[in-house]
mmCIF file of all heavy atoms, coordinates in Angstrom:
data_MODEL
# 
_entry.id   MODEL 
# 
loop_
_atom_site.group_PDB 
_atom_site.id 
_atom_site.type_symbol 
_atom_site.label_atom_id 
_atom_site.label_alt_id 
_atom_site.label_comp_id 
_atom_site.label_asym_id 
_atom_site.label_entity_id 
_atom_site.label_seq_id 
_atom_site.pdbx_PDB_ins_code 
_atom_site.Cartn_x 
_atom_site.Cartn_y 
_atom_site.Cartn_z 
_atom_site.occupancy 
_atom_site.B_iso_or_equiv 
_atom_site.pdbx_formal_charge 
_atom_site.auth_seq_id 
_atom_site.auth_comp_id 
_atom_site.auth_asym_id 
_atom_site.auth_atom_id 
_atom_site.pdbx_PDB_model_num 
ATOM 1   N N   . ASN A 1 1  ? 0.822  -1.212  0.000  1.00 0.00 ? 1  ASN A N   1 
ATOM 2   C CA  . ASN A 1 1  ? 0.000  0.000   0.000  1.00 0.00 ? 1  ASN A CA  1 
ATOM 3   C C   . ASN A 1 1  ? 0.862  1.271   0.000  1.00 0.00 ? 1  ASN A C   1 
ATOM 4   O O   . ASN A 1 1  ? 0.625  2.193   -0.773 1.00 0.00 ? 1  ASN A O   1 
ATOM 5   C CB  . ASN A 1 1  ? -0.921 0.014   1.221  1.00 0.00 ? 1  ASN A CB  1 
ATOM 6   C CG  . ASN A 1 1  ? -1.844 1.207   1.230  1.00 0.00 ? 1  ASN A CG  1 
ATOM 7   O OD1 . ASN A 1 1  ? -2.708 1.320   0.366  1.00 0.00 ? 1  ASN A OD1 1 
ATOM 8   N ND2 . ASN A 1 1  ? -1.662 2.092   2.190  1.00 0.00 ? 1  ASN A ND2 1 
ATOM 9   N N   . ASP A 1 2  ? 1.884  1.303   0.865  1.00 0.00 ? 2  ASP A N   1 
ATOM 10  C CA  . ASP A 1 2  ? 2.694  2.508   1.015  1.00 0.00 ? 2  ASP A CA  1 
ATOM 11  C C   . ASP A 1 2  ? 3.758  2.650   -0.068 1.00 0.00 ? 2  ASP A C   1 
ATOM 12  O O   . ASP A 1 2  ? 4.188  3.766   -0.357 1.00 0.00 ? 2  ASP A O   1 
ATOM 13  C CB  . ASP A 1 2  ? 3.360  2.531   2.391  1.00 0.00 ? 2  ASP A CB  1 
ATOM 14  C CG  . ASP A 1 2  ? 2.340  2.620   3.518  1.00 0.00 ? 2  ASP A CG  1 
ATOM 15  O OD1 . ASP A 1 2  ? 1.151  2.874   3.241  1.00 0.00 ? 2  ASP A OD1 1 
ATOM 16  O OD2 . ASP A 1 2  ? 2.729  2.422   4.682  1.00 0.00 ? 2  ASP A OD2 1 
ATOM 17  N N   . TYR A 1 3  ? 4.184  1.541   -0.628 1.00 0.00 ? 3  TYR A N   1 
ATOM 18  C CA  . TYR A 1 3  ? 5.186  1.556   -1.699 1.00 0.00 ? 3  TYR A CA  1 
ATOM 19  C C   . TYR A 1 3  ? 4.561  0.946   -2.942 1.00 0.00 ? 3  TYR A C   1 
ATOM 20  O O   . TYR A 1 3  ? 3.788  1.575   -3.617 1.00 0.00 ? 3  TYR A O   1 
ATOM 21  C CB  . TYR A 1 3  ? 6.468  0.835   -1.266 1.00 0.00 ? 3  TYR A CB  1 
ATOM 22  C CG  . TYR A 1 3  ? 7.034  1.379   0.032  1.00 0.00 ? 3  TYR A CG  1 
ATOM 23  C CD1 . TYR A 1 3  ? 7.108  0.586   1.164  1.00 0.00 ? 3  TYR A CD1 1 
ATOM 24  C CD2 . TYR A 1 3  ? 7.475  2.696   0.131  1.00 0.00 ? 3  TYR A CD2 1 
ATOM 25  C CE1 . TYR A 1 3  ? 7.621  1.087   2.355  1.00 0.00 ? 3  TYR A CE1 1 
ATOM 26  C CE2 . TYR A 1 3  ? 7.982  3.202   1.319  1.00 0.00 ? 3  TYR A CE2 1 
ATOM 27  C CZ  . TYR A 1 3  ? 8.054  2.388   2.431  1.00 0.00 ? 3  TYR A CZ  1 
ATOM 28  O OH  . TYR A 1 3  ? 8.547  2.877   3.606  1.00 0.00 ? 3  TYR A OH  1 
ATOM 29  N N   . LYS A 1 4  ? 4.889  -0.316  -3.190 1.00 0.00 ? 4  LYS A N   1 
ATOM 30  C CA  . LYS A 1 4  ? 4.250  -1.054  -4.280 1.00 0.00 ? 4  LYS A CA  1 
ATOM 31  C C   . LYS A 1 4  ? 4.411  -2.544  -4.002 1.00 0.00 ? 4  LYS A C   1 
ATOM 32  O O   . LYS A 1 4  ? 5.275  -2.951  -3.226 1.00 0.00 ? 4  LYS A O   1 
ATOM 33  C CB  . LYS A 1 4  ? 4.819  -0.665  -5.643 1.00 0.00 ? 4  LYS A CB  1 
ATOM 34  C CG  . LYS A 1 4  ? 6.310  -0.711  -5.741 1.00 0.00 ? 4  LYS A CG  1 
ATOM 35  C CD  . LYS A 1 4  ? 6.788  -0.073  -7.024 1.00 0.00 ? 4  LYS A CD  1 
ATOM 36  C CE  . LYS A 1 4  ? 8.257  0.213   -6.890 1.00 0.00 ? 4  LYS A CE  1 
ATOM 37  N NZ  . LYS A 1 4  ? 8.716  1.366   -7.525 1.00 0.00 ? 4  LYS A NZ  1 
ATOM 38  N N   . TYR A 1 5  ? 3.598  -3.345  -4.668 1.00 0.00 ? 5  TYR A N   1 
ATOM 39  C CA  . TYR A 1 5  ? 3.616  -4.782  -4.393 1.00 0.00 ? 5  TYR A CA  1 
ATOM 40  C C   . TYR A 1 5  ? 4.995  -5.391  -4.667 1.00 0.00 ? 5  TYR A C   1 
ATOM 41  O O   . TYR A 1 5  ? 5.406  -6.339  -4.003 1.00 0.00 ? 5  TYR A O   1 
ATOM 42  C CB  . TYR A 1 5  ? 2.534  -5.514  -5.202 1.00 0.00 ? 5  TYR A CB  1 
ATOM 43  C CG  . TYR A 1 5  ? 2.398  -6.955  -4.775 1.00 0.00 ? 5  TYR A CG  1 
ATOM 44  C CD1 . TYR A 1 5  ? 1.877  -7.281  -3.524 1.00 0.00 ? 5  TYR A CD1 1 
ATOM 45  C CD2 . TYR A 1 5  ? 2.828  -7.987  -5.591 1.00 0.00 ? 5  TYR A CD2 1 
ATOM 46  C CE1 . TYR A 1 5  ? 1.773  -8.593  -3.105 1.00 0.00 ? 5  TYR A CE1 1 
ATOM 47  C CE2 . TYR A 1 5  ? 2.730  -9.309  -5.184 1.00 0.00 ? 5  TYR A CE2 1 
ATOM 48  C CZ  . TYR A 1 5  ? 2.202  -9.608  -3.943 1.00 0.00 ? 5  TYR A CZ  1 
ATOM 49  O OH  . TYR A 1 5  ? 2.120  -10.902 -3.528 1.00 0.00 ? 5  TYR A OH  1 
ATOM 50  N N   . GLU A 1 6  ? 5.711  -4.812  -5.565 1.00 0.00 ? 6  GLU A N   1 
ATOM 51  C CA  . GLU A 1 6  ? 7.068  -5.256  -5.897 1.00 0.00 ? 6  GLU A CA  1 
ATOM 52  C C   . GLU A 1 6  ? 7.990  -5.220  -4.667 1.00 0.00 ? 6  GLU A C   1 
ATOM 53  O O   . GLU A 1 6  ? 9.013  -5.879  -4.629 1.00 0.00 ? 6  GLU A O   1 
ATOM 54  C CB  . GLU A 1 6  ? 7.580  -4.318  -6.987 1.00 0.00 ? 6  GLU A CB  1 
ATOM 55  C CG  . GLU A 1 6  ? 8.910  -4.594  -7.556 1.00 0.00 ? 6  GLU A CG  1 
ATOM 56  C CD  . GLU A 1 6  ? 9.211  -3.603  -8.675 1.00 0.00 ? 6  GLU A CD  1 
ATOM 57  O OE1 . GLU A 1 6  ? 8.396  -3.487  -9.613 1.00 0.00 ? 6  GLU A OE1 1 
ATOM 58  O OE2 . GLU A 1 6  ? 10.265 -2.958  -8.596 1.00 0.00 ? 6  GLU A OE2 1 
ATOM 59  N N   . ASP A 1 7  ? 7.623  -4.444  -3.648 1.00 0.00 ? 7  ASP A N   1 
ATOM 60  C CA  . ASP A 1 7  ? 8.472  -4.253  -2.463 1.00 0.00 ? 7  ASP A CA  1 
ATOM 61  C C   . ASP A 1 7  ? 8.103  -5.128  -1.265 1.00 0.00 ? 7  ASP A C   1 
ATOM 62  O O   . ASP A 1 7  ? 8.711  -4.991  -0.204 1.00 0.00 ? 7  ASP A O   1 
ATOM 63  C CB  . ASP A 1 7  ? 8.427  -2.787  -2.034 1.00 0.00 ? 7  ASP A CB  1 
ATOM 64  C CG  . ASP A 1 7  ? 9.043  -1.864  -3.066 1.00 0.00 ? 7  ASP A CG  1 
ATOM 65  O OD1 . ASP A 1 7  ? 9.934  -2.295  -3.816 1.00 0.00 ? 7  ASP A OD1 1 
ATOM 66  O OD2 . ASP A 1 7  ? 8.612  -0.690  -3.129 1.00 0.00 ? 7  ASP A OD2 1 
ATOM 67  N N   . VAL A 1 8  ? 7.128  -6.030  -1.409 1.00 0.00 ? 8  VAL A N   1 
ATOM 68  C CA  . VAL A 1 8  ? 6.654  -6.769  -0.232 1.00 0.00 ? 8  VAL A CA  1 
ATOM 69  C C   . VAL A 1 8  ? 7.719  -7.677  0.384  1.00 0.00 ? 8  VAL A C   1 
ATOM 70  O O   . VAL A 1 8  ? 7.688  -7.909  1.595  1.00 0.00 ? 8  VAL A O   1 
ATOM 71  C CB  . VAL A 1 8  ? 5.359  -7.583  -0.495 1.00 0.00 ? 8  VAL A CB  1 
ATOM 72  C CG1 . VAL A 1 8  ? 4.201  -6.667  -0.821 1.00 0.00 ? 8  VAL A CG1 1 
ATOM 73  C CG2 . VAL A 1 8  ? 5.554  -8.649  -1.534 1.00 0.00 ? 8  VAL A CG2 1 
ATOM 74  N N   . PHE A 1 9  ? 8.649  -8.168  -0.408 1.00 0.00 ? 9  PHE A N   1 
ATOM 75  C CA  . PHE A 1 9  ? 9.698  -9.038  0.149  1.00 0.00 ? 9  PHE A CA  1 
ATOM 76  C C   . PHE A 1 9  ? 10.973 -8.259  0.450  1.00 0.00 ? 9  PHE A C   1 
ATOM 77  O O   . PHE A 1 9  ? 11.586 -8.448  1.496  1.00 0.00 ? 9  PHE A O   1 
ATOM 78  C CB  . PHE A 1 9  ? 9.982  -10.217 -0.775 1.00 0.00 ? 9  PHE A CB  1 
ATOM 79  C CG  . PHE A 1 9  ? 8.767  -11.076 -1.044 1.00 0.00 ? 9  PHE A CG  1 
ATOM 80  C CD1 . PHE A 1 9  ? 8.448  -11.478 -2.332 1.00 0.00 ? 9  PHE A CD1 1 
ATOM 81  C CD2 . PHE A 1 9  ? 7.922  -11.465 -0.021 1.00 0.00 ? 9  PHE A CD2 1 
ATOM 82  C CE1 . PHE A 1 9  ? 7.327  -12.246 -2.590 1.00 0.00 ? 9  PHE A CE1 1 
ATOM 83  C CE2 . PHE A 1 9  ? 6.792  -12.232 -0.260 1.00 0.00 ? 9  PHE A CE2 1 
ATOM 84  C CZ  . PHE A 1 9  ? 6.494  -12.630 -1.557 1.00 0.00 ? 9  PHE A CZ  1 
ATOM 85  N N   . VAL A 1 10 ? 11.364 -7.373  -0.448 1.00 0.00 ? 10 VAL A N   1 
ATOM 86  C CA  . VAL A 1 10 ? 12.593 -6.605  -0.214 1.00 0.00 ? 10 VAL A CA  1 
ATOM 87  C C   . VAL A 1 10 ? 12.447 -5.734  1.026  1.00 0.00 ? 10 VAL A C   1 
ATOM 88  O O   . VAL A 1 10 ? 13.398 -5.570  1.797  1.00 0.00 ? 10 VAL A O   1 
ATOM 89  C CB  . VAL A 1 10 ? 13.023 -5.786  -1.461 1.00 0.00 ? 10 VAL A CB  1 
ATOM 90  C CG1 . VAL A 1 10 ? 12.109 -4.594  -1.700 1.00 0.00 ? 10 VAL A CG1 1 
ATOM 91  C CG2 . VAL A 1 10 ? 14.467 -5.327  -1.334 1.00 0.00 ? 10 VAL A CG2 1 
ATOM 92  N N   . GLY A 1 11 ? 11.254 -5.194  1.258  1.00 0.00 ? 11 GLY A N   1 
ATOM 93  C CA  . GLY A 1 11 ? 11.028 -4.382  2.453  1.00 0.00 ? 11 GLY A CA  1 
ATOM 94  C C   . GLY A 1 11 ? 11.254 -5.172  3.724  1.00 0.00 ? 11 GLY A C   1 
ATOM 95  O O   . GLY A 1 11 ? 11.812 -4.659  4.700  1.00 0.00 ? 11 GLY A O   1 
ATOM 96  N N   . GLN A 1 12 ? 10.845 -6.427  3.741  1.00 0.00 ? 12 GLN A N   1 
ATOM 97  C CA  . GLN A 1 12 ? 11.062 -7.283  4.911  1.00 0.00 ? 12 GLN A CA  1 
ATOM 98  C C   . GLN A 1 12 ? 12.524 -7.710  5.012  1.00 0.00 ? 12 GLN A C   1 
ATOM 99  O O   . GLN A 1 12 ? 13.087 -7.759  6.113  1.00 0.00 ? 12 GLN A O   1 
ATOM 100 C CB  . GLN A 1 12 ? 10.155 -8.508  4.846  1.00 0.00 ? 12 GLN A CB  1 
ATOM 101 C CG  . GLN A 1 12 ? 8.675  -8.160  4.966  1.00 0.00 ? 12 GLN A CG  1 
ATOM 102 C CD  . GLN A 1 12 ? 7.820  -9.398  4.903  1.00 0.00 ? 12 GLN A CD  1 
ATOM 103 O OE1 . GLN A 1 12 ? 7.766  -10.167 5.864  1.00 0.00 ? 12 GLN A OE1 1 
ATOM 104 N NE2 . GLN A 1 12 ? 7.157  -9.603  3.777  1.00 0.00 ? 12 GLN A NE2 1 
ATOM 105 N N   . LEU A 1 13 ? 13.143 -8.011  3.877  1.00 0.00 ? 13 LEU A N   1 
ATOM 106 C CA  . LEU A 1 13 ? 14.557 -8.389  3.900  1.00 0.00 ? 13 LEU A CA  1 
ATOM 107 C C   . LEU A 1 13 ? 15.423 -7.273  4.475  1.00 0.00 ? 13 LEU A C   1 
ATOM 108 O O   . LEU A 1 13 ? 16.408 -7.540  5.166  1.00 0.00 ? 13 LEU A O   1 
ATOM 109 C CB  . LEU A 1 13 ? 15.055 -8.744  2.489  1.00 0.00 ? 13 LEU A CB  1 
ATOM 110 C CG  . LEU A 1 13 ? 14.643 -10.095 1.936  1.00 0.00 ? 13 LEU A CG  1 
ATOM 111 C CD1 . LEU A 1 13 ? 15.167 -10.257 0.513  1.00 0.00 ? 13 LEU A CD1 1 
ATOM 112 C CD2 . LEU A 1 13 ? 15.127 -11.237 2.815  1.00 0.00 ? 13 LEU A CD2 1 
ATOM 113 N N   . GLN A 1 14 ? 15.056 -6.030  4.200  1.00 0.00 ? 14 GLN A N   1 
ATOM 114 C CA  . GLN A 1 14 ? 15.825 -4.903  4.727  1.00 0.00 ? 14 GLN A CA  1 
ATOM 115 C C   . GLN A 1 14 ? 15.801 -4.886  6.252  1.00 0.00 ? 14 GLN A C   1 
ATOM 116 O O   . GLN A 1 14 ? 16.749 -4.419  6.877  1.00 0.00 ? 14 GLN A O   1 
ATOM 117 C CB  . GLN A 1 14 ? 15.289 -3.588  4.154  1.00 0.00 ? 14 GLN A CB  1 
ATOM 118 C CG  . GLN A 1 14 ? 15.602 -3.440  2.680  1.00 0.00 ? 14 GLN A CG  1 
ATOM 119 C CD  . GLN A 1 14 ? 14.836 -2.305  2.014  1.00 0.00 ? 14 GLN A CD  1 
ATOM 120 O OE1 . GLN A 1 14 ? 13.878 -1.755  2.574  1.00 0.00 ? 14 GLN A OE1 1 
ATOM 121 N NE2 . GLN A 1 14 ? 15.246 -1.957  0.808  1.00 0.00 ? 14 GLN A NE2 1 
ATOM 122 N N   . ASN A 1 15 ? 14.737 -5.410  6.846  1.00 0.00 ? 15 ASN A N   1 
ATOM 123 C CA  . ASN A 1 15 ? 14.660 -5.497  8.302  1.00 0.00 ? 15 ASN A CA  1 
ATOM 124 C C   . ASN A 1 15 ? 15.313 -6.764  8.844  1.00 0.00 ? 15 ASN A C   1 
ATOM 125 O O   . ASN A 1 15 ? 16.008 -6.722  9.854  1.00 0.00 ? 15 ASN A O   1 
ATOM 126 C CB  . ASN A 1 15 ? 13.202 -5.463  8.769  1.00 0.00 ? 15 ASN A CB  1 
ATOM 127 C CG  . ASN A 1 15 ? 12.619 -4.078  8.738  1.00 0.00 ? 15 ASN A CG  1 
ATOM 128 O OD1 . ASN A 1 15 ? 12.481 -3.492  7.673  1.00 0.00 ? 15 ASN A OD1 1 
ATOM 129 N ND2 . ASN A 1 15 ? 12.286 -3.544  9.896  1.00 0.00 ? 15 ASN A ND2 1 
ATOM 130 N N   . TYR A 1 16 ? 15.057 -7.888  8.195  1.00 0.00 ? 16 TYR A N   1 
ATOM 131 C CA  . TYR A 1 16 ? 15.480 -9.176  8.731  1.00 0.00 ? 16 TYR A CA  1 
ATOM 132 C C   . TYR A 1 16 ? 16.793 -9.708  8.172  1.00 0.00 ? 16 TYR A C   1 
ATOM 133 O O   . TYR A 1 16 ? 17.511 -10.413 8.868  1.00 0.00 ? 16 TYR A O   1 
ATOM 134 C CB  . TYR A 1 16 ? 14.403 -10.245 8.462  1.00 0.00 ? 16 TYR A CB  1 
ATOM 135 C CG  . TYR A 1 16 ? 13.072 -9.989  9.103  1.00 0.00 ? 16 TYR A CG  1 
ATOM 136 C CD1 . TYR A 1 16 ? 11.901 -10.006 8.349  1.00 0.00 ? 16 TYR A CD1 1 
ATOM 137 C CD2 . TYR A 1 16 ? 12.956 -9.736  10.465 1.00 0.00 ? 16 TYR A CD2 1 
ATOM 138 C CE1 . TYR A 1 16 ? 10.664 -9.792  8.933  1.00 0.00 ? 16 TYR A CE1 1 
ATOM 139 C CE2 . TYR A 1 16 ? 11.723 -9.513  11.059 1.00 0.00 ? 16 TYR A CE2 1 
ATOM 140 C CZ  . TYR A 1 16 ? 10.581 -9.539  10.279 1.00 0.00 ? 16 TYR A CZ  1 
ATOM 141 O OH  . TYR A 1 16 ? 9.356  -9.325  10.850 1.00 0.00 ? 16 TYR A OH  1 
ATOM 142 N N   . GLY A 1 17 ? 17.078 -9.438  6.916  1.00 0.00 ? 17 GLY A N   1 
ATOM 143 C CA  . GLY A 1 17 ? 18.214 -10.068 6.247  1.00 0.00 ? 17 GLY A CA  1 
ATOM 144 C C   . GLY A 1 17 ? 19.556 -9.480  6.632  1.00 0.00 ? 17 GLY A C   1 
ATOM 145 O O   . GLY A 1 17 ? 19.718 -8.262  6.682  1.00 0.00 ? 17 GLY A O   1 
ATOM 146 N N   . ARG A 1 18 ? 20.503 -10.346 6.893  1.00 0.00 ? 18 ARG A N   1 
ATOM 147 C CA  . ARG A 1 18 ? 21.870 -9.956  7.199  1.00 0.00 ? 18 ARG A CA  1 
ATOM 148 C C   . ARG A 1 18 ? 22.817 -10.779 6.351  1.00 0.00 ? 18 ARG A C   1 
ATOM 149 O O   . ARG A 1 18 ? 22.512 -11.908 5.960  1.00 0.00 ? 18 ARG A O   1 
ATOM 150 C CB  . ARG A 1 18 ? 22.187 -10.192 8.685  1.00 0.00 ? 18 ARG A CB  1 
ATOM 151 C CG  . ARG A 1 18 ? 21.314 -9.411  9.655  1.00 0.00 ? 18 ARG A CG  1 
ATOM 152 C CD  . ARG A 1 18 ? 21.581 -7.909  9.586  1.00 0.00 ? 18 ARG A CD  1 
ATOM 153 N NE  . ARG A 1 18 ? 20.710 -7.145  10.456 1.00 0.00 ? 18 ARG A NE  1 
ATOM 154 C CZ  . ARG A 1 18 ? 19.595 -6.524  10.067 1.00 0.00 ? 18 ARG A CZ  1 
ATOM 155 N NH1 . ARG A 1 18 ? 19.188 -6.603  8.814  1.00 0.00 ? 18 ARG A NH1 1 
ATOM 156 N NH2 . ARG A 1 18 ? 18.870 -5.831  10.919 1.00 0.00 ? 18 ARG A NH2 1 
ATOM 157 N N   . SER A 1 19 ? 23.977 -10.241 6.105  1.00 0.00 ? 19 SER A N   1 
ATOM 158 C CA  . SER A 1 19 ? 24.991 -10.948 5.328  1.00 0.00 ? 19 SER A CA  1 
ATOM 159 C C   . SER A 1 19 ? 25.192 -12.355 5.892  1.00 0.00 ? 19 SER A C   1 
ATOM 160 O O   . SER A 1 19 ? 25.284 -12.531 7.109  1.00 0.00 ? 19 SER A O   1 
ATOM 161 C CB  . SER A 1 19 ? 26.309 -10.163 5.383  1.00 0.00 ? 19 SER A CB  1 
ATOM 162 O OG  . SER A 1 19 ? 27.273 -10.798 4.591  1.00 0.00 ? 19 SER A OG  1 
ATOM 163 N N   . GLY A 1 20 ? 25.220 -13.343 5.019  1.00 0.00 ? 20 GLY A N   1 
ATOM 164 C CA  . GLY A 1 20 ? 25.372 -14.731 5.431  1.00 0.00 ? 20 GLY A CA  1 
ATOM 165 C C   . GLY A 1 20 ? 24.066 -15.478 5.586  1.00 0.00 ? 20 GLY A C   1 
ATOM 166 O O   . GLY A 1 20 ? 24.054 -16.713 5.607  1.00 0.00 ? 20 GLY A O   1 
ATOM 167 N N   . ASP A 1 21 ? 22.947 -14.751 5.706  1.00 0.00 ? 21 ASP A N   1 
ATOM 168 C CA  . ASP A 1 21 ? 21.643 -15.404 5.755  1.00 0.00 ? 21 ASP A CA  1 
ATOM 169 C C   . ASP A 1 21 ? 21.324 -15.996 4.381  1.00 0.00 ? 21 ASP A C   1 
ATOM 170 O O   . ASP A 1 21 ? 22.011 -15.717 3.399  1.00 0.00 ? 21 ASP A O   1 
ATOM 171 C CB  . ASP A 1 21 ? 20.546 -14.408 6.139  1.00 0.00 ? 21 ASP A CB  1 
ATOM 172 C CG  . ASP A 1 21 ? 20.609 -13.968 7.599  1.00 0.00 ? 21 ASP A CG  1 
ATOM 173 O OD1 . ASP A 1 21 ? 21.283 -14.626 8.402  1.00 0.00 ? 21 ASP A OD1 1 
ATOM 174 O OD2 . ASP A 1 21 ? 19.971 -12.933 7.920  1.00 0.00 ? 21 ASP A OD2 1 
ATOM 175 N N   . VAL A 1 22 ? 20.270 -16.787 4.306  1.00 0.00 ? 22 VAL A N   1 
ATOM 176 C CA  . VAL A 1 22 ? 19.852 -17.422 3.054  1.00 0.00 ? 22 VAL A CA  1 
ATOM 177 C C   . VAL A 1 22 ? 18.503 -16.840 2.625  1.00 0.00 ? 22 VAL A C   1 
ATOM 178 O O   . VAL A 1 22 ? 17.551 -16.830 3.401  1.00 0.00 ? 22 VAL A O   1 
ATOM 179 C CB  . VAL A 1 22 ? 19.713 -18.954 3.225  1.00 0.00 ? 22 VAL A CB  1 
ATOM 180 C CG1 . VAL A 1 22 ? 19.225 -19.603 1.932  1.00 0.00 ? 22 VAL A CG1 1 
ATOM 181 C CG2 . VAL A 1 22 ? 21.036 -19.570 3.682  1.00 0.00 ? 22 VAL A CG2 1 
ATOM 182 N N   . ALA A 1 23 ? 18.440 -16.353 1.386  1.00 0.00 ? 23 ALA A N   1 
ATOM 183 C CA  . ALA A 1 23 ? 17.180 -15.899 0.781  1.00 0.00 ? 23 ALA A CA  1 
ATOM 184 C C   . ALA A 1 23 ? 16.799 -16.923 -0.272 1.00 0.00 ? 23 ALA A C   1 
ATOM 185 O O   . ALA A 1 23 ? 17.509 -17.093 -1.262 1.00 0.00 ? 23 ALA A O   1 
ATOM 186 C CB  . ALA A 1 23 ? 17.347 -14.517 0.158  1.00 0.00 ? 23 ALA A CB  1 
ATOM 187 N N   . LEU A 1 24 ? 15.692 -17.624 -0.048 1.00 0.00 ? 24 LEU A N   1 
ATOM 188 C CA  . LEU A 1 24 ? 15.240 -18.675 -0.955 1.00 0.00 ? 24 LEU A CA  1 
ATOM 189 C C   . LEU A 1 24 ? 13.903 -18.263 -1.557 1.00 0.00 ? 24 LEU A C   1 
ATOM 190 O O   . LEU A 1 24 ? 12.918 -18.110 -0.825 1.00 0.00 ? 24 LEU A O   1 
ATOM 191 C CB  . LEU A 1 24 ? 15.117 -20.003 -0.208 1.00 0.00 ? 24 LEU A CB  1 
ATOM 192 C CG  . LEU A 1 24 ? 14.881 -21.249 -1.042 1.00 0.00 ? 24 LEU A CG  1 
ATOM 193 C CD1 . LEU A 1 24 ? 15.349 -22.482 -0.290 1.00 0.00 ? 24 LEU A CD1 1 
ATOM 194 C CD2 . LEU A 1 24 ? 13.437 -21.426 -1.462 1.00 0.00 ? 24 LEU A CD2 1 
ATOM 195 N N   . ALA A 1 25 ? 13.887 -18.048 -2.863 1.00 0.00 ? 25 ALA A N   1 
ATOM 196 C CA  . ALA A 1 25 ? 12.670 -17.613 -3.558 1.00 0.00 ? 25 ALA A CA  1 
ATOM 197 C C   . ALA A 1 25 ? 12.179 -18.703 -4.494 1.00 0.00 ? 25 ALA A C   1 
ATOM 198 O O   . ALA A 1 25 ? 12.979 -19.387 -5.140 1.00 0.00 ? 25 ALA A O   1 
ATOM 199 C CB  . ALA A 1 25 ? 12.944 -16.337 -4.347 1.00 0.00 ? 25 ALA A CB  1 
ATOM 200 N N   . MET A 1 26 ? 10.857 -18.836 -4.578 1.00 0.00 ? 26 MET A N   1 
ATOM 201 C CA  . MET A 1 26 ? 10.236 -19.810 -5.478 1.00 0.00 ? 26 MET A CA  1 
ATOM 202 C C   . MET A 1 26 ? 9.311  -19.078 -6.442 1.00 0.00 ? 26 MET A C   1 
ATOM 203 O O   . MET A 1 26 ? 8.507  -18.252 -6.017 1.00 0.00 ? 26 MET A O   1 
ATOM 204 C CB  . MET A 1 26 ? 9.424  -20.828 -4.684 1.00 0.00 ? 26 MET A CB  1 
ATOM 205 C CG  . MET A 1 26 ? 10.252 -21.738 -3.820 1.00 0.00 ? 26 MET A CG  1 
ATOM 206 S SD  . MET A 1 26 ? 9.214  -22.923 -2.940 1.00 0.00 ? 26 MET A SD  1 
ATOM 207 C CE  . MET A 1 26 ? 9.395  -22.333 -1.270 1.00 0.00 ? 26 MET A CE  1 
# 
């Protein structure tokens, strides 16, 4: 809503993701 649907995962990764973590997309 505040950005765009394209940002629903990257927005969360910016909070949770750290170097060395694993991002697995399907």
